[in-house]
Protein backbone atom coordinates (compact mmCIF):
# COMPACT_ATOMS: atom_id res chain seq x y z
CA MET A 1 1.75 72.10 21.80
CA ALA A 2 0.50 70.86 18.37
CA ARG A 3 0.56 73.47 15.68
CA MET A 4 -0.86 73.61 12.17
CA LEU A 5 2.32 74.85 10.43
CA ASP A 6 5.24 73.18 12.79
CA PHE A 7 8.50 73.78 11.09
CA ASP A 8 10.81 72.96 14.19
CA LEU A 9 11.66 69.83 12.42
CA LEU A 10 13.16 71.37 9.41
CA GLU A 11 15.74 72.99 11.56
CA PHE A 12 17.52 69.71 11.91
CA PHE A 13 17.88 69.67 8.01
CA VAL A 14 19.09 72.99 7.38
CA PRO A 15 22.81 72.49 7.30
CA VAL A 16 21.79 69.55 4.90
CA LEU A 17 19.86 72.22 2.92
CA VAL A 18 22.03 74.88 2.93
CA LEU A 19 25.05 72.32 1.58
CA ILE A 20 22.87 71.40 -1.12
CA PHE A 21 21.85 74.96 -1.95
CA VAL A 22 25.47 76.37 -1.71
CA PHE A 23 26.77 73.35 -3.85
CA LEU A 24 24.37 73.77 -6.60
CA LEU A 25 24.56 77.46 -6.67
CA PHE A 26 28.44 77.69 -6.94
CA TYR A 27 28.66 74.32 -9.25
CA ALA A 28 26.25 76.34 -11.74
CA LEU A 29 28.19 79.47 -11.53
CA PHE A 30 31.59 77.76 -12.07
CA GLU A 31 30.09 75.33 -15.00
CA LYS A 32 28.48 78.95 -16.46
CA THR A 33 31.77 80.93 -16.19
CA LYS A 34 34.40 78.43 -16.84
CA PHE A 35 36.78 80.18 -14.65
CA PHE A 36 38.46 77.06 -13.82
CA GLY A 37 38.51 75.76 -17.14
CA GLU A 38 36.23 73.06 -18.58
CA GLU A 39 36.88 70.36 -15.64
CA LYS A 40 33.56 69.48 -14.00
CA GLY A 41 35.36 67.47 -11.67
CA LEU A 42 37.19 70.64 -10.45
CA HIS A 43 34.20 72.55 -10.84
CA ALA A 44 32.11 69.86 -8.14
CA LEU A 45 34.88 69.53 -6.06
CA LEU A 46 35.54 73.17 -5.16
CA ALA A 47 31.53 73.68 -5.27
CA LEU A 48 31.74 71.13 -2.72
CA LEU A 49 34.22 73.05 -0.49
CA PHE A 50 32.37 76.24 -0.92
CA ALA A 51 29.19 74.09 0.30
CA PHE A 52 31.14 72.73 3.28
CA LEU A 53 32.77 76.01 4.42
CA PHE A 54 29.17 77.37 4.57
CA VAL A 55 27.57 74.71 6.79
CA ILE A 56 30.66 75.10 9.15
CA VAL A 57 30.93 78.38 9.31
CA LYS A 58 28.00 79.33 11.47
CA PRO A 59 27.70 83.27 10.57
CA LEU A 60 27.90 82.15 6.50
CA ARG A 61 24.85 79.64 7.10
CA GLU A 62 23.06 82.03 8.82
CA PHE A 63 23.34 84.41 6.14
CA ILE A 64 21.96 82.26 3.66
CA THR A 65 19.40 80.70 5.82
CA THR A 66 18.39 84.92 5.95
CA VAL A 67 18.53 85.89 2.51
CA THR A 68 17.32 82.32 0.46
CA PRO A 69 13.47 83.20 1.77
CA TRP A 70 13.58 86.74 0.63
CA PHE A 71 15.10 85.61 -2.74
CA VAL A 72 12.38 82.96 -3.06
CA LEU A 73 9.86 85.43 -2.71
CA PHE A 74 11.32 88.12 -4.98
CA PHE A 75 11.34 85.35 -7.87
CA PHE A 76 8.03 84.21 -7.27
CA LEU A 77 6.64 87.91 -7.57
CA ILE A 78 8.68 87.92 -10.84
CA PHE A 79 7.13 84.85 -11.79
CA ILE A 80 3.56 85.74 -11.20
CA LEU A 81 4.40 89.05 -12.95
CA LEU A 82 5.45 87.25 -15.67
CA LEU A 83 2.61 84.67 -15.90
CA THR A 84 0.05 87.72 -15.61
CA VAL A 85 1.58 89.71 -18.61
CA MET A 86 2.11 86.21 -20.70
CA ILE A 87 -1.84 85.61 -19.71
CA ALA A 88 -2.98 89.44 -21.01
CA GLY A 89 -1.73 88.12 -24.53
CA PHE A 90 2.10 88.94 -24.42
CA LYS A 91 4.32 86.79 -25.89
CA GLU A 92 7.86 85.76 -24.90
CA SER A 93 9.73 87.82 -27.52
CA ASP A 94 7.45 90.47 -26.92
CA ILE A 95 8.45 90.60 -23.39
CA ASN A 96 12.09 90.27 -24.09
CA LYS A 97 11.99 93.25 -26.71
CA TYR A 98 10.15 95.52 -23.87
CA LEU A 99 13.04 94.57 -21.14
CA LEU A 100 15.81 95.42 -23.58
CA GLU A 101 14.42 98.55 -24.38
CA ASN A 102 13.81 99.57 -20.52
CA PRO A 103 17.04 99.30 -18.62
CA GLY A 104 15.37 100.61 -15.76
CA ILE A 105 13.24 97.36 -14.66
CA THR A 106 16.89 95.49 -14.72
CA THR A 107 18.09 98.38 -12.86
CA THR A 108 15.20 98.04 -10.11
CA ALA A 109 16.00 94.43 -9.84
CA ILE A 110 19.34 94.99 -9.22
CA VAL A 111 18.92 97.34 -6.62
CA VAL A 112 16.41 94.93 -5.09
CA VAL A 113 18.91 91.98 -4.87
CA ILE A 114 21.39 94.29 -3.41
CA LEU A 115 19.29 95.17 -0.67
CA ILE A 116 18.49 91.99 -0.26
CA PHE A 117 22.18 91.10 0.03
CA LEU A 118 22.80 94.33 2.48
CA LEU A 119 19.52 93.89 4.82
CA GLY A 120 20.68 90.11 5.40
CA PHE A 121 24.27 90.76 6.05
CA ASN A 122 22.94 93.70 8.63
CA ALA A 123 20.80 91.16 10.09
CA VAL A 124 23.46 88.38 10.70
CA PHE A 125 26.14 91.02 11.55
CA PRO A 126 24.28 93.71 13.15
CA GLY A 127 26.27 96.73 14.16
CA ALA A 128 28.90 95.81 11.09
CA ALA A 129 27.61 98.94 9.22
CA GLY A 130 29.29 100.96 11.41
CA PHE A 131 26.05 101.41 13.97
CA PRO A 132 26.73 100.06 17.24
CA GLU A 133 23.52 99.23 19.18
CA ASP A 134 24.39 101.47 22.09
CA ASP A 135 24.90 104.46 20.21
CA THR A 136 24.94 107.81 22.81
CA THR A 137 25.89 109.90 20.32
CA GLU A 138 24.43 113.35 19.92
CA PHE A 139 22.23 112.47 16.87
CA ALA A 140 21.42 109.29 18.01
CA TRP A 141 17.97 109.47 18.24
CA LEU A 142 18.22 111.00 14.34
CA ARG A 143 19.81 107.83 13.21
CA ARG A 144 17.37 105.70 15.07
CA ILE A 145 14.77 107.37 13.36
CA LEU A 146 16.21 107.49 9.85
CA PHE A 147 17.01 103.69 10.03
CA HIS A 148 13.95 102.44 11.35
CA PRO A 149 12.44 99.27 9.65
CA LYS A 150 9.17 101.45 8.60
CA ILE A 151 11.06 104.59 7.27
CA LEU A 152 13.72 102.04 5.33
CA SER A 153 10.62 100.26 4.15
CA PHE A 154 9.10 103.55 3.07
CA PHE A 155 11.90 104.59 1.11
CA LEU A 156 12.13 101.19 -0.29
CA VAL A 157 8.68 100.91 -1.78
CA PHE A 158 9.24 104.81 -2.86
CA LEU A 159 12.24 103.56 -4.80
CA ILE A 160 10.21 100.62 -6.46
CA VAL A 161 7.49 103.01 -7.50
CA TYR A 162 10.05 105.65 -8.76
CA PHE A 163 11.66 103.16 -10.82
CA VAL A 164 8.52 101.37 -11.87
CA MET A 165 6.97 104.70 -12.87
CA ARG A 166 10.04 106.13 -14.57
CA SER A 167 10.29 103.10 -16.99
CA VAL A 168 6.93 102.19 -17.44
CA GLY A 169 4.39 104.67 -16.67
CA PHE A 170 6.06 107.60 -18.72
CA THR A 171 6.96 108.35 -22.03
CA SER A 172 8.20 111.41 -23.86
CA LYS A 173 6.73 112.57 -26.91
CA LYS A 174 9.26 113.72 -29.57
């Protein structure tokens, strides 16, 4: 059946896209940190080895394909937020000054990145967090309630609102 948005053909290109993405990510990381010296050829070779490793090992490939759309969405939302602030009349120097004065925004971004990694890890390796699928212990019902996706998303939104209000909304008068 023909669909308007049919991405089935894209699944054939997932290994190539993962190879390119991981290669670029590791090459940029090696170039920025200079962990292996100044040799660009060595950086490219190691990045290519890591990229092939991520393509060959299926759980790593699944992890990348699970986490990447969430990072794209997260950075797209940050871009839209910054674009909106700049349209409102703030300059880049004002935004940089505000971000340096309020570390809560950076903390919130780091927490969101860690949550994306943890949720992606849990999606690829279910039960690796210590909670098996067929849990029959005494408090299994409580664990199923507390770790239900709707409850977890509520707490995530609550944490984001808390950090945003703490860093942006309220200022103490001294």
